[in-house]
Amino acid sequence: CSLSASAFRSLSGLGSDDPEVHILTVQEARSLSNEIEDRFELRHESPQIIIFSDGEPIFNASHRRATFETVREFMSGIETQKPSA
């Protein structure tokens, strides 16, 4: 769909300083998509971005919010909350 294509293009803007990205194409990996949905109780929406930390989802955005700007905004919020060394 056009939203998924737009999200894919947007995520190509992530760089080496951004979180590692893995793309799951639901049509090619339905069982993995179902496992993620069941294990983490996250309703599948497409396109969708899920950020994990320590094996647990800490952020979920879908549809028009599935952009690299949304990821960077969320990650910058985490960075500002980290205690300084």
Protein backbone atom coordinates (compact mmCIF):
# COMPACT_ATOMS: atom_id res chain seq x y z
CA CYS A 1 0.00 0.00 0.00
CA SER A 2 1.07 3.61 -0.38
CA LEU A 3 1.47 4.11 3.40
CA SER A 4 3.85 1.15 3.64
CA ALA A 5 5.87 2.40 0.68
CA SER A 6 6.08 5.85 2.25
CA ALA A 7 7.21 4.38 5.60
CA PHE A 8 9.87 2.29 3.85
CA ARG A 9 11.22 5.37 2.04
CA SER A 10 11.19 7.37 5.28
CA LEU A 11 13.11 4.69 7.19
CA SER A 12 15.83 4.77 4.53
CA GLY A 13 16.70 8.16 6.08
CA LEU A 14 17.98 6.47 9.25
CA GLY A 15 21.75 6.54 9.58
CA SER A 16 24.47 4.66 11.42
CA ASP A 17 23.79 6.63 14.63
CA ASP A 18 20.14 5.56 14.62
CA PRO A 19 18.73 2.32 16.01
CA GLU A 20 19.25 -0.88 14.05
CA VAL A 21 16.26 -1.53 11.80
CA HIS A 22 14.81 -4.87 10.72
CA ILE A 23 12.00 -4.92 8.19
CA LEU A 24 9.36 -7.61 8.38
CA THR A 25 7.29 -8.04 5.24
CA VAL A 26 4.14 -9.62 6.63
CA GLN A 27 3.24 -11.34 3.35
CA GLU A 28 6.61 -13.14 3.42
CA ALA A 29 6.72 -13.93 7.16
CA ARG A 30 3.15 -14.21 8.42
CA SER A 31 4.09 -16.69 11.19
CA LEU A 32 6.70 -14.29 12.62
CA SER A 33 4.24 -11.41 12.43
CA ASN A 34 1.65 -13.51 14.27
CA GLU A 35 4.23 -14.51 16.91
CA ILE A 36 5.15 -10.86 17.57
CA GLU A 37 1.47 -9.94 17.82
CA ASP A 38 0.70 -12.81 20.22
CA ARG A 39 3.83 -12.65 22.37
CA PHE A 40 3.80 -8.90 22.91
CA GLU A 41 0.03 -8.35 22.68
CA LEU A 42 0.50 -5.79 19.93
CA ARG A 43 -2.19 -5.52 17.32
CA HIS A 44 -0.65 -5.72 13.84
CA GLU A 45 -1.02 -2.53 11.85
CA SER A 46 0.70 -1.74 8.60
CA PRO A 47 3.01 0.00 8.31
CA GLN A 48 4.19 -0.29 11.88
CA ILE A 49 7.35 0.51 13.82
CA ILE A 50 8.10 -1.32 17.05
CA ILE A 51 11.16 -0.41 19.12
CA PHE A 52 12.42 -3.07 21.50
CA SER A 53 14.70 -2.71 24.51
CA ASP A 54 15.87 -5.70 26.52
CA GLY A 55 13.52 -7.93 24.52
CA GLU A 56 10.38 -5.89 25.26
CA PRO A 57 8.53 -3.37 23.10
CA ILE A 58 8.98 0.16 24.40
CA PHE A 59 7.48 2.08 21.47
CA ASN A 60 4.91 1.39 18.79
CA ALA A 61 3.81 3.66 15.94
CA SER A 62 1.75 2.89 12.88
CA HIS A 63 0.29 4.32 9.71
CA ARG A 64 1.31 7.94 9.13
CA ARG A 65 3.41 8.00 12.34
CA ALA A 66 5.67 5.23 10.97
CA THR A 67 8.51 7.55 9.99
CA PHE A 68 12.17 8.01 10.82
CA GLU A 69 11.29 11.38 12.34
CA THR A 70 9.02 9.60 14.84
CA VAL A 71 11.82 7.13 15.68
CA ARG A 72 14.36 9.92 16.16
CA GLU A 73 11.96 11.94 18.30
CA PHE A 74 11.29 8.94 20.55
CA MET A 75 14.98 8.03 20.77
CA SER A 76 16.01 11.60 21.57
CA GLY A 77 13.52 11.54 24.46
CA ILE A 78 15.24 8.42 25.78
CA GLU A 79 18.66 10.03 25.44
CA THR A 80 17.61 13.08 27.46
CA GLN A 81 16.35 10.80 30.25
CA LYS A 82 19.62 8.86 30.61
CA PRO A 83 21.68 9.84 33.66
CA SER A 84 24.95 11.46 32.74
CA ALA A 85 28.14 9.60 33.63
